[in-house]
Amino acid sequence: MKAIDTLKGIVSDLTSLLIGVVGLGVVAGIVFGGNVAFFNDVLDGLLGVVTVLGENGLVGLLVAAILIGLLNK
């Protein structure tokens, strides 16, 4: 049981780190333009995900709600 709790903690920490990196990539892309080292095309990728979710109507809305729910845990 302790191993599962440790694994959950690691996954949670990695998720938090990656969300921060994506946020940093978005800010760097806005401030410095789209061609920033290590953050290439972050804005394009994020806009692509939003576009795909938007085009799929109710299913996209459900997926977005599920993702937000998972990230808020």
Protein backbone atom coordinates (compact mmCIF):
# COMPACT_ATOMS: atom_id res chain seq x y z
CA MET A 1 0.00 0.00 0.00
CA LYS A 2 2.87 2.33 0.75
CA ALA A 3 4.31 1.76 -2.74
CA ILE A 4 1.03 2.83 -4.35
CA ASP A 5 0.94 6.00 -2.25
CA THR A 6 4.53 6.76 -3.24
CA LEU A 7 3.71 6.23 -6.91
CA LYS A 8 0.64 8.48 -6.63
CA GLY A 9 2.81 11.19 -5.09
CA ILE A 10 5.38 10.93 -7.87
CA VAL A 11 2.71 11.12 -10.58
CA SER A 12 1.07 14.09 -8.85
CA ASP A 13 4.39 15.93 -8.57
CA LEU A 14 5.26 15.26 -12.22
CA THR A 15 1.83 16.47 -13.33
CA SER A 16 2.25 19.69 -11.36
CA LEU A 17 5.70 20.20 -12.84
CA LEU A 18 4.50 19.64 -16.41
CA ILE A 19 1.57 22.03 -15.95
CA GLY A 20 4.05 24.66 -14.78
CA VAL A 21 6.30 24.02 -17.78
CA VAL A 22 3.36 24.36 -20.17
CA GLY A 23 2.39 27.63 -18.49
CA LEU A 24 5.96 28.86 -18.79
CA GLY A 25 5.98 27.86 -22.46
CA VAL A 26 2.77 29.80 -23.12
CA VAL A 27 4.12 32.92 -21.41
CA ALA A 28 7.48 32.61 -23.19
CA GLY A 29 5.71 32.15 -26.51
CA ILE A 30 3.63 35.27 -25.96
CA VAL A 31 6.50 37.44 -24.72
CA PHE A 32 9.29 36.29 -27.02
CA GLY A 33 7.36 34.97 -30.02
CA GLY A 34 6.73 31.41 -31.10
CA ASN A 35 10.35 30.35 -31.61
CA VAL A 36 11.75 29.98 -28.08
CA ALA A 37 14.31 27.31 -27.19
CA PHE A 38 12.74 24.27 -25.47
CA PHE A 39 9.24 25.72 -25.87
CA ASN A 40 8.73 25.53 -29.64
CA ASP A 41 5.13 25.45 -30.74
CA VAL A 42 3.62 25.25 -27.24
CA LEU A 43 0.97 27.77 -28.20
CA ASP A 44 0.24 25.96 -31.47
CA GLY A 45 -0.12 22.65 -29.65
CA LEU A 46 -2.38 24.14 -26.99
CA LEU A 47 -4.53 25.89 -29.59
CA GLY A 48 -4.73 22.62 -31.54
CA VAL A 49 -6.07 20.80 -28.50
CA VAL A 50 -8.62 23.55 -27.85
CA THR A 51 -9.68 23.49 -31.51
CA VAL A 52 -10.15 19.72 -31.51
CA LEU A 53 -12.19 19.86 -28.31
CA GLY A 54 -14.26 22.73 -29.70
CA GLU A 55 -15.00 20.95 -32.97
CA ASN A 56 -16.32 17.86 -31.20
CA GLY A 57 -19.20 19.63 -29.45
CA LEU A 58 -20.60 17.81 -26.43
CA VAL A 59 -17.94 15.09 -26.47
CA GLY A 60 -15.23 17.75 -26.44
CA LEU A 61 -16.95 19.49 -23.56
CA LEU A 62 -17.12 16.23 -21.60
CA VAL A 63 -13.43 15.50 -22.25
CA ALA A 64 -12.49 19.02 -21.17
CA ALA A 65 -14.55 18.63 -17.97
CA ILE A 66 -12.88 15.29 -17.22
CA LEU A 67 -9.40 16.75 -17.79
CA ILE A 68 -10.14 19.73 -15.56
CA GLY A 69 -11.48 17.39 -12.88
CA LEU A 70 -8.35 15.24 -13.03
CA LEU A 71 -6.04 18.25 -12.85
CA ASN A 72 -7.87 19.71 -9.85
CA LYS A 73 -7.27 16.63 -7.71
